[in-house]
PDB file of N, CA and C in Angstrom:
ATOM      1  N   MET A   1      23.811  11.055 -40.244  1.00  0.00           N
ATOM      2  CA  MET A   1      23.883  12.368 -39.406  1.00  0.00           C
ATOM      3  C   MET A   1      23.647  13.122 -40.905  1.00  0.00           C
ATOM      4  N   TYR A   2      24.220  13.104 -42.081  1.00  0.00           N
ATOM      5  CA  TYR A   2      23.690  13.873 -42.979  1.00  0.00           C
ATOM      6  C   TYR A   2      22.605  13.963 -43.488  1.00  0.00           C
ATOM      7  N   GLU A   3      21.680  12.633 -43.246  1.00  0.00           N
ATOM      8  CA  GLU A   3      20.318  12.656 -43.714  1.00  0.00           C
ATOM      9  C   GLU A   3      19.327  13.300 -42.693  1.00  0.00           C
ATOM     10  N   THR A   4      20.000  13.302 -41.560  1.00  0.00           N
ATOM     11  CA  THR A   4      18.950  14.072 -40.472  1.00  0.00           C
ATOM     12  C   THR A   4      19.010  15.460 -40.496  1.00  0.00           C
ATOM     13  N   ARG A   5      20.309  15.779 -40.898  1.00  0.00           N
ATOM     14  CA  ARG A   5      20.472  17.160 -40.739  1.00  0.00           C
ATOM     15  C   ARG A   5      20.197  18.301 -42.248  1.00  0.00           C
ATOM     16  N   LYS A   6      20.276  17.417 -43.427  1.00  0.00           N
ATOM     17  CA  LYS A   6      20.079  17.913 -44.499  1.00  0.00           C
ATOM     18  C   LYS A   6      18.292  18.508 -44.205  1.00  0.00           C
ATOM     19  N   GLN A   7      18.198  19.343 -45.217  1.00  0.00           N
ATOM     20  CA  GLN A   7      17.038  20.262 -45.310  1.00  0.00           C
ATOM     21  C   GLN A   7      16.379  19.921 -46.626  1.00  0.00           C
ATOM     22  N   SER A   8      15.218  19.937 -46.804  1.00  0.00           N
ATOM     23  CA  SER A   8      14.456  19.977 -47.962  1.00  0.00           C
ATOM     24  C   SER A   8      15.383  21.238 -48.987  1.00  0.00           C
ATOM     25  N   HIS A   9      15.325  20.805 -50.419  1.00  0.00           N
ATOM     26  CA  HIS A   9      15.754  21.378 -51.487  1.00  0.00           C
ATOM     27  C   HIS A   9      15.744  22.939 -51.004  1.00  0.00           C
ATOM     28  N   GLY A  10      16.842  23.888 -50.910  1.00  0.00           N
ATOM     29  CA  GLY A  10      16.646  25.388 -50.640  1.00  0.00           C
ATOM     30  C   GLY A  10      16.622  25.842 -49.143  1.00  0.00           C
ATOM     31  N   GLY A  11      16.708  24.550 -48.573  1.00  0.00           N
ATOM     32  CA  GLY A  11      16.683  24.916 -46.981  1.00  0.00           C
ATOM     33  C   GLY A  11      16.035  26.194 -46.205  1.00  0.00           C
ATOM     34  N   ASP A  12      16.632  26.536 -45.007  1.00  0.00           N
ATOM     35  CA  ASP A  12      16.131  27.722 -44.385  1.00  0.00           C
ATOM     36  C   ASP A  12      16.856  29.179 -44.775  1.00  0.00           C
ATOM     37  N   ARG A  13      16.402  29.817 -45.586  1.00  0.00           N
ATOM     38  CA  ARG A  13      17.018  31.242 -46.109  1.00  0.00           C
ATOM     39  C   ARG A  13      17.064  32.103 -45.129  1.00  0.00           C
ATOM     40  N   ASN A  14      16.170  32.079 -43.794  1.00  0.00           N
ATOM     41  CA  ASN A  14      16.003  33.325 -43.086  1.00  0.00           C
ATOM     42  C   ASN A  14      17.156  33.135 -42.009  1.00  0.00           C
ATOM     43  N   SER A  15      17.564  31.985 -41.580  1.00  0.00           N
ATOM     44  CA  SER A  15      18.519  31.685 -40.502  1.00  0.00           C
ATOM     45  C   SER A  15      19.968  32.510 -40.701  1.00  0.00           C
ATOM     46  N   SER A  16      20.380  32.408 -39.370  1.00  0.00           N
ATOM     47  CA  SER A  16      21.654  33.442 -39.491  1.00  0.00           C
ATOM     48  C   SER A  16      22.809  33.431 -40.475  1.00  0.00           C
ATOM     49  N   ALA A  17      22.669  34.181 -41.505  1.00  0.00           N
ATOM     50  CA  ALA A  17      23.939  33.965 -42.376  1.00  0.00           C
ATOM     51  C   ALA A  17      23.845  32.692 -43.109  1.00  0.00           C
ATOM     52  N   ASN A  18      22.988  31.620 -42.711  1.00  0.00           N
ATOM     53  CA  ASN A  18      22.883  30.354 -43.317  1.00  0.00           C
ATOM     54  C   ASN A  18      24.379  29.823 -43.699  1.00  0.00           C
ATOM     55  N   PHE A  19      25.087  30.082 -42.369  1.00  0.00           N
ATOM     56  CA  PHE A  19      26.676  29.437 -42.712  1.00  0.00           C
ATOM     57  C   PHE A  19      27.374  29.397 -43.750  1.00  0.00           C
ATOM     58  N   LEU A  20      27.249  30.937 -44.247  1.00  0.00           N
ATOM     59  CA  LEU A  20      27.597  31.218 -45.375  1.00  0.00           C
ATOM     60  C   LEU A  20      27.236  30.673 -46.527  1.00  0.00           C
ATOM     61  N   HIS A  21      25.933  30.232 -46.762  1.00  0.00           N
ATOM     62  CA  HIS A  21      25.228  29.089 -47.295  1.00  0.00           C
ATOM     63  C   HIS A  21      26.124  28.196 -48.006  1.00  0.00           C
ATOM     64  N   LEU A  22      26.603  27.404 -47.155  1.00  0.00           N
ATOM     65  CA  LEU A  22      27.142  26.049 -47.528  1.00  0.00           C
ATOM     66  C   LEU A  22      26.375  25.071 -47.155  1.00  0.00           C
ATOM     67  N   LYS A  23      26.605  23.821 -48.185  1.00  0.00           N
ATOM     68  CA  LYS A  23      25.580  22.991 -48.141  1.00  0.00           C
ATOM     69  C   LYS A  23      25.427  21.925 -46.887  1.00  0.00           C
ATOM     70  N   THR A  24      24.643  21.260 -46.412  1.00  0.00           N
ATOM     71  CA  THR A  24      24.607  20.499 -45.000  1.00  0.00           C
ATOM     72  C   THR A  24      25.984  19.805 -45.338  1.00  0.00           C
ATOM     73  N   ALA A  25      26.096  18.765 -46.514  1.00  0.00           N
ATOM     74  CA  ALA A  25      27.412  18.061 -46.555  1.00  0.00           C
ATOM     75  C   ALA A  25      28.530  18.864 -46.212  1.00  0.00           C
ATOM     76  N   ASP A  26      28.717  19.851 -46.786  1.00  0.00           N
ATOM     77  CA  ASP A  26      30.229  20.685 -46.618  1.00  0.00           C
ATOM     78  C   ASP A  26      29.983  20.928 -44.987  1.00  0.00           C
ATOM     79  N   VAL A  27      28.994  21.405 -44.416  1.00  0.00           N
ATOM     80  CA  VAL A  27      29.255  21.992 -43.156  1.00  0.00           C
ATOM     81  C   VAL A  27      29.635  20.738 -42.152  1.00  0.00           C
ATOM     82  N   ILE A  28      29.217  19.531 -42.299  1.00  0.00           N
ATOM     83  CA  ILE A  28      29.736  18.402 -41.706  1.00  0.00           C
ATOM     84  C   ILE A  28      30.899  18.125 -42.127  1.00  0.00           C
ATOM     85  N   GLY A  29      31.143  17.985 -43.345  1.00  0.00           N
ATOM     86  CA  GLY A  29      32.483  18.059 -43.423  1.00  0.00           C
ATOM     87  C   GLY A  29      33.714  18.697 -43.161  1.00  0.00           C
ATOM     88  N   LYS A  30      33.386  19.884 -43.010  1.00  0.00           N
ATOM     89  CA  LYS A  30      34.437  20.863 -42.373  1.00  0.00           C
ATOM     90  C   LYS A  30      34.443  20.507 -40.570  1.00  0.00           C
ATOM     91  N   GLU A  31      33.451  19.892 -39.876  1.00  0.00           N
ATOM     92  CA  GLU A  31      33.435  19.672 -38.612  1.00  0.00           C
ATOM     93  C   GLU A  31      34.232  18.734 -38.682  1.00  0.00           C
ATOM     94  N   TYR A  32      34.228  17.351 -39.659  1.00  0.00           N
ATOM     95  CA  TYR A  32      34.919  15.981 -39.542  1.00  0.00           C
ATOM     96  C   TYR A  32      36.488  15.956 -40.346  1.00  0.00           C
ATOM     97  N   GLY A  33      36.597  17.046 -40.657  1.00  0.00           N
ATOM     98  CA  GLY A  33      37.979  17.271 -41.482  1.00  0.00           C
ATOM     99  C   GLY A  33      37.787  16.723 -43.085  1.00  0.00           C
ATOM    100  N   VAL A  34      36.455  16.609 -43.462  1.00  0.00           N
ATOM    101  CA  VAL A  34      36.968  15.684 -44.821  1.00  0.00           C
ATOM    102  C   VAL A  34      36.233  16.480 -46.149  1.00  0.00           C
ATOM    103  N   THR A  35      35.747  16.369 -46.849  1.00  0.00           N
ATOM    104  CA  THR A  35      34.858  17.316 -47.780  1.00  0.00           C
ATOM    105  C   THR A  35      33.474  16.766 -47.956  1.00  0.00           C
ATOM    106  N   GLY A  36      32.722  17.666 -48.659  1.00  0.00           N
ATOM    107  CA  GLY A  36      31.213  17.493 -48.703  1.00  0.00           C
ATOM    108  C   GLY A  36      31.098  15.995 -49.343  1.00  0.00           C
ATOM    109  N   THR A  37      31.756  16.111 -50.506  1.00  0.00           N
ATOM    110  CA  THR A  37      31.638  14.907 -51.390  1.00  0.00           C
ATOM    111  C   THR A  37      31.883  13.660 -50.597  1.00  0.00           C
ATOM    112  N   THR A  38      32.622  13.484 -49.897  1.00  0.00           N
ATOM    113  CA  THR A  38      32.973  12.218 -48.874  1.00  0.00           C
ATOM    114  C   THR A  38      31.333  11.867 -47.892  1.00  0.00           C
ATOM    115  N   VAL A  39      31.217  13.256 -47.657  1.00  0.00           N
ATOM    116  CA  VAL A  39      30.149  12.916 -46.425  1.00  0.00           C
ATOM    117  C   VAL A  39      28.862  12.453 -47.198  1.00  0.00           C
ATOM    118  N   ARG A  40      28.528  13.028 -48.449  1.00  0.00           N
ATOM    119  CA  ARG A  40      27.694  12.447 -49.296  1.00  0.00           C
ATOM    120  C   ARG A  40      27.815  11.203 -50.046  1.00  0.00           C
ATOM    121  N   ASN A  41      29.252  10.636 -50.212  1.00  0.00           N
ATOM    122  CA  ASN A  41      29.343   9.367 -50.416  1.00  0.00           C
ATOM    123  C   ASN A  41      28.824   8.464 -49.387  1.00  0.00           C
ATOM    124  N   ASP A  42      29.691   8.847 -48.101  1.00  0.00           N
ATOM    125  CA  ASP A  42      29.494   8.005 -46.949  1.00  0.00           C
ATOM    126  C   ASP A  42      27.910   7.742 -46.788  1.00  0.00           C
ATOM    127  N   ALA A  43      26.847   8.768 -46.838  1.00  0.00           N
ATOM    128  CA  ALA A  43      25.588   8.712 -46.596  1.00  0.00           C
ATOM    129  C   ALA A  43      25.016   7.873 -47.763  1.00  0.00           C
ATOM    130  N   GLU A  44      25.523   7.532 -48.825  1.00  0.00           N
ATOM    131  CA  GLU A  44      24.660   6.898 -50.130  1.00  0.00           C
ATOM    132  C   GLU A  44      25.137   5.352 -49.696  1.00  0.00           C
ATOM    133  N   PHE A  45      26.475   5.470 -48.938  1.00  0.00           N
ATOM    134  CA  PHE A  45      27.095   3.836 -48.720  1.00  0.00           C
ATOM    135  C   PHE A  45      26.178   3.504 -47.482  1.00  0.00           C
ATOM    136  N   SER A  46      25.988   4.178 -46.422  1.00  0.00           N
ATOM    137  CA  SER A  46      25.090   3.875 -45.261  1.00  0.00           C
ATOM    138  C   SER A  46      23.691   3.269 -45.792  1.00  0.00           C
ATOM    139  N   LYS A  47      23.249   3.974 -46.643  1.00  0.00           N
ATOM    140  CA  LYS A  47      21.788   3.667 -47.144  1.00  0.00           C
ATOM    141  C   LYS A  47      21.779   2.417 -47.985  1.00  0.00           C
ATOM    142  N   SER A  48      22.959   1.967 -48.755  1.00  0.00           N
ATOM    143  CA  SER A  48      23.080   1.052 -49.692  1.00  0.00           C
ATOM    144  C   SER A  48      23.126  -0.190 -48.620  1.00  0.00           C
ATOM    145  N   VAL A  49      24.114  -0.126 -47.354  1.00  0.00           N
ATOM    146  CA  VAL A  49      24.302  -1.154 -46.569  1.00  0.00           C
ATOM    147  C   VAL A  49      22.871  -1.398 -45.699  1.00  0.00           C
ATOM    148  N   ASP A  50      22.268  -0.414 -45.388  1.00  0.00           N
ATOM    149  CA  ASP A  50      20.820  -0.448 -44.648  1.00  0.00           C
ATOM    150  C   ASP A  50      20.015  -1.294 -45.447  1.00  0.00           C
ATOM    151  N   LYS A  51      20.117  -0.927 -47.077  1.00  0.00           N
ATOM    152  CA  LYS A  51      18.936  -2.061 -47.851  1.00  0.00           C
ATOM    153  C   LYS A  51      19.431  -3.187 -47.951  1.00  0.00           C
ATOM    154  N   VAL A  52      20.829  -3.525 -47.810  1.00  0.00           N
ATOM    155  CA  VAL A  52      21.246  -4.983 -47.831  1.00  0.00           C
ATOM    156  C   VAL A  52      20.560  -5.820 -46.581  1.00  0.00           C
ATOM    157  N   ALA A  53      20.776  -5.221 -45.585  1.00  0.00           N
ATOM    158  CA  ALA A  53      20.349  -5.666 -44.329  1.00  0.00           C
ATOM    159  C   ALA A  53      19.009  -5.831 -43.944  1.00  0.00           C
ATOM    160  N   GLU A  54      17.856  -5.052 -44.739  1.00  0.00           N
ATOM    161  CA  GLU A  54      16.712  -5.325 -44.670  1.00  0.00           C
ATOM    162  C   GLU A  54      16.442  -6.281 -45.521  1.00  0.00           C
ATOM    163  N   GLU A  55      17.122  -6.546 -46.871  1.00  0.00           N
ATOM    164  CA  GLU A  55      16.802  -7.835 -47.588  1.00  0.00           C
ATOM    165  C   GLU A  55      17.258  -9.200 -47.259  1.00  0.00           C
ATOM    166  N   VAL A  56      18.683  -9.095 -46.451  1.00  0.00           N
ATOM    167  CA  VAL A  56      19.346 -10.207 -46.422  1.00  0.00           C
ATOM    168  C   VAL A  56      19.524 -10.546 -44.938  1.00  0.00           C
ATOM    169  N   GLY A  57      19.561  -9.389 -43.855  1.00  0.00           N
ATOM    170  CA  GLY A  57      19.407  -9.805 -42.952  1.00  0.00           C
ATOM    171  C   GLY A  57      20.897  -8.936 -42.160  1.00  0.00           C
ATOM    172  N   LYS A  58      20.684  -8.779 -40.953  1.00  0.00           N
ATOM    173  CA  LYS A  58      21.793  -7.983 -40.265  1.00  0.00           C
ATOM    174  C   LYS A  58      23.099  -8.323 -40.347  1.00  0.00           C
ATOM    175  N   GLU A  59      23.210  -9.949 -40.368  1.00  0.00           N
ATOM    176  CA  GLU A  59      24.337 -10.247 -40.728  1.00  0.00           C
ATOM    177  C   GLU A  59      25.513 -10.039 -41.831  1.00  0.00           C
ATOM    178  N   ALA A  60      24.535  -9.845 -42.831  1.00  0.00           N
ATOM    179  CA  ALA A  60      25.021  -9.292 -44.189  1.00  0.00           C
ATOM    180  C   ALA A  60      25.621  -8.063 -43.805  1.00  0.00           C
ATOM    181  N   LYS A  61      25.032  -7.206 -42.918  1.00  0.00           N
ATOM    182  CA  LYS A  61      25.580  -5.584 -42.730  1.00  0.00           C
ATOM    183  C   LYS A  61      26.733  -5.606 -41.893  1.00  0.00           C
ATOM    184  N   GLU A  62      26.727  -6.649 -40.651  1.00  0.00           N
ATOM    185  CA  GLU A  62      27.992  -6.872 -40.175  1.00  0.00           C
ATOM    186  C   GLU A  62      29.236  -7.150 -40.983  1.00  0.00           C
ATOM    187  N   ALA A  63      28.942  -8.013 -41.637  1.00  0.00           N
ATOM    188  CA  ALA A  63      30.099  -8.833 -42.761  1.00  0.00           C
ATOM    189  C   ALA A  63      30.397  -7.688 -43.467  1.00  0.00           C
ATOM    190  N   ILE A  64      29.670  -6.713 -44.378  1.00  0.00           N
ATOM    191  CA  ILE A  64      29.927  -5.695 -44.992  1.00  0.00           C
ATOM    192  C   ILE A  64      31.034  -4.661 -44.010  1.00  0.00           C
ATOM    193  N   LEU A  65      30.561  -4.338 -42.849  1.00  0.00           N
ATOM    194  CA  LEU A  65      30.671  -3.218 -41.766  1.00  0.00           C
ATOM    195  C   LEU A  65      32.614  -3.898 -41.394  1.00  0.00           C
ATOM    196  N   PHE A  66      32.455  -5.161 -40.956  1.00  0.00           N
ATOM    197  CA  PHE A  66      33.448  -5.570 -40.133  1.00  0.00           C
ATOM    198  C   PHE A  66      34.131  -6.522 -40.921  1.00  0.00           C
ATOM    199  N   GLY A  67      33.693  -7.041 -41.951  1.00  0.00           N
ATOM    200  CA  GLY A  67      34.607  -7.990 -42.749  1.00  0.00           C
ATOM    201  C   GLY A  67      34.450  -9.220 -42.656  1.00  0.00           C
TER     202      GLY A  67
END
């Protein structure tokens, strides 16, 4: 979710008040009741898990996510 919603560095400075200039991770964090740091960390974890799945196979991804 984070990766698909974030914009290139700087973002759109012309949209309606830019949601008080919050970063994408902070906006998503507010929606889900967590911090922007948690959102960014989760996005990085997700990318890492996807990379493992590409290299080793989807069984490894399932083992990581479901134990």
